Amino acid sequence: MRRFLTLPDVAEALNISLSQTRALIKTGDVEGIQIGGRGQWRVEEAKLDEYIERQYAAQRASRATAAPAAQPASPAQDEAGSARS
């Protein structure tokens, strides 16, 4: 069975403010639905998990592109990569 979270639940899970949570919903970063006559927002737990996984993937990609190129050999190493005596 699907489990739906309220916006305060999502805010708590992500350790962010309620207004930040609303912004994530409004921009579509986190997928939510409005339920009931008052249009209360709910986020399926699986959708929150997907958002978190996308954030992890974006961080990994960011780190991979920011990683420095291969370091040149230090003066203490010859061209073969072995240490000089």
C-alpha atoms as a PDB file:
ATOM      1  CA  MET A   1       0.000   0.000   0.000  1.00  0.00           C
ATOM      2  CA  ARG A   2       1.215   3.512  -0.790  1.00  0.00           C
ATOM      3  CA  ARG A   3       2.235   5.756   2.057  1.00  0.00           C
ATOM      4  CA  PHE A   4       1.609   9.476   1.725  1.00  0.00           C
ATOM      5  CA  LEU A   5       3.387  12.146   3.734  1.00  0.00           C
ATOM      6  CA  THR A   6       2.172  15.591   4.700  1.00  0.00           C
ATOM      7  CA  LEU A   7       4.353  18.594   3.877  1.00  0.00           C
ATOM      8  CA  PRO A   8       5.469  18.894   7.510  1.00  0.00           C
ATOM      9  CA  ASP A   9       6.504  15.207   7.333  1.00  0.00           C
ATOM     10  CA  VAL A  10       8.532  15.889   4.181  1.00  0.00           C
ATOM     11  CA  ALA A  11      10.103  18.978   5.769  1.00  0.00           C
ATOM     12  CA  GLU A  12      11.114  16.915   8.787  1.00  0.00           C
ATOM     13  CA  ALA A  13      12.502  14.081   6.663  1.00  0.00           C
ATOM     14  CA  LEU A  14      14.665  16.513   4.670  1.00  0.00           C
ATOM     15  CA  ASN A  15      15.431  18.700   7.698  1.00  0.00           C
ATOM     16  CA  ILE A  16      14.251  21.830   5.862  1.00  0.00           C
ATOM     17  CA  SER A  17      11.591  24.466   6.511  1.00  0.00           C
ATOM     18  CA  LEU A  18       7.966  24.119   5.471  1.00  0.00           C
ATOM     19  CA  SER A  19       8.363  27.026   3.035  1.00  0.00           C
ATOM     20  CA  GLN A  20      11.335  25.271   1.404  1.00  0.00           C
ATOM     21  CA  THR A  21       9.209  22.134   1.130  1.00  0.00           C
ATOM     22  CA  ARG A  22       6.408  24.088  -0.538  1.00  0.00           C
ATOM     23  CA  ALA A  23       8.928  25.536  -2.994  1.00  0.00           C
ATOM     24  CA  LEU A  24      10.140  22.031  -3.902  1.00  0.00           C
ATOM     25  CA  ILE A  25       6.533  21.026  -4.615  1.00  0.00           C
ATOM     26  CA  LYS A  26       5.789  24.204  -6.589  1.00  0.00           C
ATOM     27  CA  THR A  27       8.867  23.808  -8.818  1.00  0.00           C
ATOM     28  CA  GLY A  28       8.128  20.114  -9.339  1.00  0.00           C
ATOM     29  CA  ASP A  29      11.407  18.971  -7.817  1.00  0.00           C
ATOM     30  CA  VAL A  30       9.345  16.858  -5.434  1.00  0.00           C
ATOM     31  CA  GLU A  31       6.204  15.401  -6.949  1.00  0.00           C
ATOM     32  CA  GLY A  32       3.077  15.845  -4.837  1.00  0.00           C
ATOM     33  CA  ILE A  33      -0.678  15.714  -5.210  1.00  0.00           C
ATOM     34  CA  GLN A  34      -3.521  17.719  -3.746  1.00  0.00           C
ATOM     35  CA  ILE A  35      -6.136  15.676  -1.928  1.00  0.00           C
ATOM     36  CA  GLY A  36      -9.512  16.541  -0.486  1.00  0.00           C
ATOM     37  CA  GLY A  37     -11.765  19.575  -0.579  1.00  0.00           C
ATOM     38  CA  ARG A  38      -9.171  21.853   0.971  1.00  0.00           C
ATOM     39  CA  GLY A  39      -6.467  20.725  -1.446  1.00  0.00           C
ATOM     40  CA  GLN A  40      -4.007  19.473   1.146  1.00  0.00           C
ATOM     41  CA  TRP A  41      -0.688  18.457  -0.384  1.00  0.00           C
ATOM     42  CA  ARG A  42       0.585  14.929   0.020  1.00  0.00           C
ATOM     43  CA  VAL A  43       3.823  13.361  -1.187  1.00  0.00           C
ATOM     44  CA  GLU A  44       4.096   9.670  -1.803  1.00  0.00           C
ATOM     45  CA  GLU A  45       6.983   8.216   0.182  1.00  0.00           C
ATOM     46  CA  ALA A  46       8.386   6.633  -2.992  1.00  0.00           C
ATOM     47  CA  LYS A  47       8.430  10.054  -4.717  1.00  0.00           C
ATOM     48  CA  LEU A  48      10.377  11.529  -1.823  1.00  0.00           C
ATOM     49  CA  ASP A  49      12.843   8.634  -2.058  1.00  0.00           C
ATOM     50  CA  GLU A  50      13.205   9.305  -5.811  1.00  0.00           C
ATOM     51  CA  TYR A  51      13.953  12.976  -5.124  1.00  0.00           C
ATOM     52  CA  ILE A  52      16.602  12.049  -2.567  1.00  0.00           C
ATOM     53  CA  GLU A  53      18.220   9.594  -5.008  1.00  0.00           C
ATOM     54  CA  ARG A  54      18.274  12.280  -7.733  1.00  0.00           C
ATOM     55  CA  GLN A  55      19.996  14.650  -5.307  1.00  0.00           C
ATOM     56  CA  TYR A  56      22.624  12.011  -4.487  1.00  0.00           C
ATOM     57  CA  ALA A  57      23.182  11.369  -8.218  1.00  0.00           C
ATOM     58  CA  ALA A  58      23.552  15.109  -8.877  1.00  0.00           C
ATOM     59  CA  GLN A  59      26.109  15.381  -6.066  1.00  0.00           C
ATOM     60  CA  ARG A  60      28.085  12.425  -7.434  1.00  0.00           C
ATOM     61  CA  ALA A  61      28.060  13.934 -10.934  1.00  0.00           C
ATOM     62  CA  SER A  62      29.112  17.303  -9.564  1.00  0.00           C
ATOM     63  CA  ARG A  63      32.022  15.770  -7.695  1.00  0.00           C
ATOM     64  CA  ALA A  64      33.081  13.750 -10.745  1.00  0.00           C
ATOM     65  CA  THR A  65      33.248  16.831 -12.972  1.00  0.00           C
ATOM     66  CA  ALA A  66      35.004  18.881 -10.296  1.00  0.00           C
ATOM     67  CA  ALA A  67      37.637  16.221  -9.601  1.00  0.00           C
ATOM     68  CA  PRO A  68      41.114  17.405 -10.563  1.00  0.00           C
ATOM     69  CA  ALA A  69      42.880  15.803 -13.525  1.00  0.00           C
ATOM     70  CA  ALA A  70      45.489  13.155 -12.870  1.00  0.00           C
ATOM     71  CA  GLN A  71      48.235  14.550 -10.695  1.00  0.00           C
ATOM     72  CA  PRO A  72      51.670  14.778 -12.365  1.00  0.00           C
ATOM     73  CA  ALA A  73      54.437  12.646 -10.901  1.00  0.00           C
ATOM     74  CA  SER A  74      56.264  14.301  -8.047  1.00  0.00           C
ATOM     75  CA  PRO A  75      59.956  15.172  -8.510  1.00  0.00           C
ATOM     76  CA  ALA A  76      60.810  12.197  -6.306  1.00  0.00           C
ATOM     77  CA  GLN A  77      59.420   9.805  -8.934  1.00  0.00           C
ATOM     78  CA  ASP A  78      60.888   8.972 -12.322  1.00  0.00           C
ATOM     79  CA  GLU A  79      58.850   8.609 -15.512  1.00  0.00           C
ATOM     80  CA  ALA A  80      58.073   4.971 -14.738  1.00  0.00           C
ATOM     81  CA  GLY A  81      56.408   6.036 -11.509  1.00  0.00           C
ATOM     82  CA  SER A  82      58.866   4.384  -9.176  1.00  0.00           C
ATOM     83  CA  ALA A  83      60.570   6.290  -6.392  1.00  0.00           C
ATOM     84  CA  ARG A  84      64.142   7.466  -6.891  1.00  0.00           C
ATOM     85  CA  SER A  85      66.842   6.382  -4.472  1.00  0.00           C
END
